[in-house]
Amino acid sequence: MSYAHLLVSDQDAVRTITVHRPDKLNALNHATIGELHHAFAAARADAAVRVLVLTGAGPKAFVAGADISEFASATPVQARAFSEAGQQMMRSVETLGKPVIARINGFALGGGMELAMCCHLRIAAESAKLGTPEINLGILPGFGATQRLTRLCGRAAALELCLLGAPITAQRALELGIVNRVVPAAELDAEVMKVAAQLARSAPHALRAILDAVILGGDMALDQGLSYETHLFAVTASTADMREGTAAFLEKRPAQFRGT
């Protein structure tokens, strides 16, 4: 499928989805949110896709936020629908079952930071800026920042970012645990693809089990989460990839995982 606001490309088992609204610094509007939801659903269903990279077009912005011009005059009912659409799309990314890497090449503000946080790994250029400036518009984040920030970096940092609304550097985001790695802008593509390639070589069932254990199990009480981990461990032990992985280890050779 062709999209009006996205570019989709494949390199081996890695699919890159690029938000392509450079004239709006890749801001999220209703149409783009809908296209992202469709693009990730298509990737979930495609067995050839093992890893996804999400980024924004151009050097300035990952996603600079939600499209303010679209919701500036929204009614409370329309605002609720916009928030729900964004949250549903981002939750579908978070629970995709395949690793998603946010390639943060510039501004990741408001809805853009929320979009990055629903990805499983975040790799940022040194020049990137992240933040939740919604307080300056008289609103609060509506796509999940209050919840994901609290889980990623704790209540104190979440409150500071949301209450003050000031952007932070990529290095500060790394210190807070919001991003995983920070690299010079010139090295961003190489670093992202190196990580993506490593994930693409890993066992797909094990990748999904780890994502589920951390994301779903992490929201459970400890005893429930441990039980869920045990269940997933048993499921992965039933796979051909587990037999291949253990055999390769014992035979001192690289494993060839096929997703079976």
Protein backbone atom coordinates (compact mmCIF):
# COMPACT_ATOMS: atom_id res chain seq x y z
CA MET A 1 0.00 0.00 0.00
CA SER A 2 1.17 3.54 -0.75
CA TYR A 3 0.80 6.20 1.91
CA ALA A 4 0.38 9.96 1.72
CA HIS A 5 2.47 10.69 4.81
CA LEU A 6 4.77 7.67 5.22
CA LEU A 7 7.66 6.10 3.36
CA VAL A 8 8.17 2.35 3.82
CA SER A 9 11.28 0.46 2.72
CA ASP A 10 12.78 -2.97 3.41
CA GLN A 11 16.40 -4.03 3.77
CA ASP A 12 16.55 -7.77 4.27
CA ALA A 13 14.41 -8.46 7.37
CA VAL A 14 14.44 -4.82 8.55
CA ARG A 15 11.55 -2.53 7.61
CA THR A 16 11.96 1.22 7.94
CA ILE A 17 8.87 3.40 8.36
CA THR A 18 9.52 7.11 7.86
CA VAL A 19 7.01 9.80 8.81
CA HIS A 20 7.15 12.05 5.75
CA ARG A 21 5.67 15.48 6.39
CA PRO A 22 8.87 17.56 6.22
CA ASP A 23 6.97 20.82 5.68
CA LYS A 24 5.28 20.23 9.07
CA LEU A 25 8.41 18.80 10.76
CA ASN A 26 6.63 15.43 10.51
CA ALA A 27 3.89 16.48 12.94
CA LEU A 28 1.20 13.90 13.62
CA ASN A 29 -2.29 14.55 12.30
CA HIS A 30 -5.27 12.20 12.15
CA ALA A 31 -4.31 10.91 8.71
CA THR A 32 -0.71 10.15 9.70
CA ILE A 33 -1.80 8.38 12.87
CA GLY A 34 -4.15 6.21 10.81
CA GLU A 35 -1.42 5.40 8.30
CA LEU A 36 1.03 4.47 11.06
CA HIS A 37 -1.56 2.15 12.58
CA HIS A 38 -2.02 0.44 9.20
CA ALA A 39 1.71 0.26 8.45
CA PHE A 40 2.53 -1.40 11.75
CA ALA A 41 -0.37 -3.84 11.42
CA ALA A 42 0.98 -4.80 7.99
CA ALA A 43 4.45 -5.33 9.46
CA ARG A 44 3.03 -7.49 12.24
CA ALA A 45 1.39 -9.75 9.65
CA ASP A 46 4.47 -10.01 7.40
CA ALA A 47 6.66 -12.93 8.50
CA ALA A 48 9.55 -11.60 6.40
CA VAL A 49 9.78 -8.53 8.65
CA ARG A 50 11.63 -9.24 11.89
CA VAL A 51 12.64 -5.73 13.00
CA LEU A 52 11.31 -2.23 12.39
CA VAL A 53 12.95 1.17 12.40
CA LEU A 54 10.76 4.25 12.88
CA THR A 55 12.08 7.68 11.97
CA GLY A 56 11.18 11.07 10.50
CA ALA A 57 12.03 12.61 7.15
CA GLY A 58 14.77 15.21 6.92
CA PRO A 59 17.52 16.22 9.33
CA LYS A 60 15.47 18.51 11.57
CA ALA A 61 12.81 16.34 13.14
CA PHE A 62 11.91 12.83 14.16
CA VAL A 63 8.38 14.03 14.86
CA ALA A 64 8.03 17.58 16.19
CA GLY A 65 4.70 16.87 17.90
CA ALA A 66 1.03 16.64 17.10
CA ASP A 67 -0.28 18.91 14.35
CA ILE A 68 -1.49 21.85 16.44
CA SER A 69 -3.36 23.41 13.53
CA GLU A 70 -5.61 20.35 13.40
CA PHE A 71 -6.71 20.27 17.03
CA ALA A 72 -6.44 23.95 18.04
CA SER A 73 -10.19 24.39 17.62
CA ALA A 74 -11.18 20.87 18.67
CA THR A 75 -14.11 20.29 20.96
CA PRO A 76 -13.61 18.14 24.07
CA VAL A 77 -15.21 15.22 22.21
CA GLN A 78 -12.88 15.68 19.24
CA ALA A 79 -9.87 16.05 21.56
CA ARG A 80 -10.78 12.80 23.29
CA ALA A 81 -11.06 11.00 19.94
CA PHE A 82 -7.66 12.37 18.86
CA SER A 83 -6.04 11.25 22.11
CA GLU A 84 -7.60 7.79 21.86
CA ALA A 85 -6.51 7.36 18.24
CA GLY A 86 -2.92 8.27 19.09
CA GLN A 87 -2.84 6.09 22.18
CA GLN A 88 -4.29 3.09 20.35
CA MET A 89 -1.75 3.41 17.55
CA MET A 90 1.16 3.75 19.96
CA ARG A 91 -0.03 0.85 22.09
CA SER A 92 -0.18 -1.28 18.93
CA VAL A 93 3.48 -0.42 18.29
CA GLU A 94 4.45 -1.22 21.88
CA THR A 95 2.71 -4.62 21.73
CA LEU A 96 3.68 -5.44 18.14
CA GLY A 97 5.67 -8.54 19.10
CA LYS A 98 8.60 -7.43 16.92
CA PRO A 99 11.35 -5.02 18.03
CA VAL A 100 10.85 -1.42 16.96
CA ILE A 101 13.80 1.00 17.05
CA ALA A 102 13.17 4.74 17.15
CA ARG A 103 15.82 6.52 15.08
CA ILE A 104 15.65 9.99 16.65
CA ASN A 105 17.29 12.29 14.15
CA GLY A 106 16.06 15.67 15.43
CA PHE A 107 13.18 17.15 17.39
CA ALA A 108 11.06 14.59 19.25
CA LEU A 109 8.60 16.81 21.05
CA GLY A 110 5.12 16.22 22.42
CA GLY A 111 3.52 13.51 20.32
CA GLY A 112 6.90 12.83 18.76
CA MET A 113 8.47 12.01 22.09
CA GLU A 114 5.44 9.87 22.90
CA LEU A 115 5.86 8.05 19.59
CA ALA A 116 9.52 7.40 20.37
CA MET A 117 8.68 6.11 23.85
CA CYS A 118 6.28 3.46 22.54
CA CYS A 119 9.19 1.96 20.57
CA HIS A 120 11.30 -0.67 22.27
CA LEU A 121 14.72 0.89 21.72
CA ARG A 122 15.58 4.54 21.14
CA ILE A 123 18.81 5.66 19.47
CA ALA A 124 19.30 9.42 19.21
CA ALA A 125 21.63 11.76 17.41
CA GLU A 126 23.63 14.02 19.72
CA SER A 127 21.81 17.00 18.22
CA ALA A 128 18.32 15.66 18.99
CA LYS A 129 16.02 17.46 21.40
CA LEU A 130 13.23 15.71 23.32
CA GLY A 131 10.46 17.08 25.47
CA THR A 132 6.80 17.36 26.43
CA PRO A 133 5.88 21.04 25.89
CA GLU A 134 2.09 20.58 26.05
CA ILE A 135 1.85 22.63 29.27
CA ASN A 136 2.74 25.68 27.15
CA LEU A 137 -0.44 25.08 25.12
CA GLY A 138 -2.63 24.82 28.19
CA ILE A 139 -3.02 21.05 27.91
CA LEU A 140 -1.29 17.89 29.09
CA PRO A 141 0.27 15.13 26.97
CA GLY A 142 -2.46 13.02 25.42
CA PHE A 143 -0.62 10.14 23.74
CA GLY A 144 0.80 8.46 26.85
CA ALA A 145 3.73 10.56 28.07
CA THR A 146 2.51 10.85 31.64
CA GLN A 147 2.41 7.06 31.90
CA ARG A 148 5.44 5.99 29.86
CA LEU A 149 7.75 8.67 31.24
CA THR A 150 6.86 7.59 34.77
CA ARG A 151 7.69 3.99 33.90
CA LEU A 152 10.89 4.86 32.02
CA CYS A 153 12.50 7.40 34.32
CA GLY A 154 10.41 7.72 37.47
CA ARG A 155 7.86 10.15 38.85
CA ALA A 156 10.24 13.01 39.64
CA ALA A 157 11.65 13.24 36.11
CA ALA A 158 8.22 12.72 34.53
CA LEU A 159 6.77 15.58 36.56
CA GLU A 160 9.68 17.89 35.78
CA LEU A 161 9.43 17.27 32.04
CA CYS A 162 5.65 17.57 31.88
CA LEU A 163 5.23 20.46 34.33
CA LEU A 164 8.04 22.66 33.01
CA GLY A 165 7.69 21.72 29.35
CA ALA A 166 11.31 22.51 28.50
CA PRO A 167 13.11 20.35 25.92
CA ILE A 168 16.15 18.35 26.99
CA THR A 169 19.24 17.24 25.12
CA ALA A 170 19.74 13.72 23.90
CA GLN A 171 22.50 13.30 26.48
CA ARG A 172 20.14 14.29 29.30
CA ALA A 173 17.54 11.89 27.92
CA LEU A 174 20.19 9.16 28.05
CA GLU A 175 20.99 10.00 31.67
CA LEU A 176 17.29 9.76 32.56
CA GLY A 177 16.87 6.42 30.79
CA ILE A 178 14.56 7.76 28.09
CA VAL A 179 16.90 6.83 25.23
CA ASN A 180 19.25 3.85 25.02
CA ARG A 181 22.12 5.29 23.01
CA VAL A 182 23.34 8.68 21.78
CA VAL A 183 25.70 8.93 18.82
CA PRO A 184 26.99 11.69 16.52
CA ALA A 185 24.46 12.50 13.81
CA ALA A 186 26.81 11.21 11.12
CA GLU A 187 26.88 7.80 12.81
CA LEU A 188 23.14 7.49 13.51
CA ASP A 189 22.22 5.38 10.49
CA ALA A 190 25.11 2.97 10.97
CA GLU A 191 24.36 2.50 14.67
CA VAL A 192 20.64 1.95 14.10
CA MET A 193 21.21 -0.58 11.33
CA LYS A 194 23.88 -2.40 13.35
CA VAL A 195 21.40 -2.92 16.18
CA ALA A 196 18.59 -3.77 13.76
CA ALA A 197 20.74 -6.35 11.98
CA GLN A 198 21.65 -8.02 15.26
CA LEU A 199 17.98 -8.24 16.24
CA ALA A 200 17.06 -9.56 12.80
CA ARG A 201 19.47 -12.48 13.32
CA SER A 202 17.89 -13.37 16.67
CA ALA A 203 15.16 -15.94 17.24
CA PRO A 204 11.80 -14.27 16.52
CA HIS A 205 9.86 -16.28 19.11
CA ALA A 206 12.41 -15.40 21.79
CA LEU A 207 12.30 -11.73 20.80
CA ARG A 208 8.54 -11.69 21.11
CA ALA A 209 8.65 -13.50 24.44
CA ILE A 210 11.12 -10.98 25.84
CA LEU A 211 8.99 -8.06 24.65
CA ASP A 212 5.87 -9.58 26.18
CA ALA A 213 7.60 -10.46 29.45
CA VAL A 214 8.96 -6.96 29.92
CA ILE A 215 6.02 -4.93 28.58
CA LEU A 216 3.04 -7.01 29.67
CA GLY A 217 4.64 -8.82 32.60
CA GLY A 218 6.16 -5.59 33.83
CA ASP A 219 2.68 -4.21 34.52
CA MET A 220 1.76 -7.22 36.67
CA ALA A 221 2.41 -7.89 40.33
CA LEU A 222 5.79 -9.57 40.80
CA ASP A 223 4.45 -13.08 41.41
CA GLN A 224 2.20 -12.83 38.35
CA GLY A 225 5.04 -11.48 36.24
CA LEU A 226 7.32 -14.30 37.30
CA SER A 227 4.65 -16.85 36.47
CA TYR A 228 4.16 -15.24 33.06
CA GLU A 229 7.91 -15.40 32.44
CA THR A 230 7.90 -19.11 33.28
CA HIS A 231 5.04 -19.67 30.83
CA LEU A 232 6.89 -17.85 28.05
CA PHE A 233 10.10 -19.73 28.85
CA ALA A 234 8.26 -23.02 28.38
CA VAL A 235 6.73 -21.80 25.11
CA THR A 236 10.13 -20.86 23.65
CA ALA A 237 11.49 -24.26 24.74
CA SER A 238 9.00 -25.85 22.33
CA THR A 239 10.43 -24.11 19.26
CA ALA A 240 12.82 -25.38 16.62
CA ASP A 241 14.80 -22.19 17.13
CA MET A 242 15.53 -23.23 20.70
CA ARG A 243 16.90 -26.57 19.43
CA GLU A 244 18.96 -24.74 16.85
CA GLY A 245 20.27 -22.21 19.36
CA THR A 246 21.36 -24.79 21.92
CA ALA A 247 22.86 -27.04 19.24
CA ALA A 248 24.79 -24.14 17.76
CA PHE A 249 26.14 -23.21 21.18
CA LEU A 250 27.32 -26.76 21.86
CA GLU A 251 28.79 -27.08 18.37
CA LYS A 252 30.49 -23.67 18.62
CA ARG A 253 28.92 -22.25 15.46
CA PRO A 254 26.60 -19.32 14.69
CA ALA A 255 22.91 -20.16 15.07
CA GLN A 256 20.59 -19.88 12.07
CA PHE A 257 17.19 -18.95 13.46
CA ARG A 258 14.22 -19.45 11.12
CA GLY A 259 11.33 -18.36 13.31
CA THR A 260 10.01 -21.88 13.79
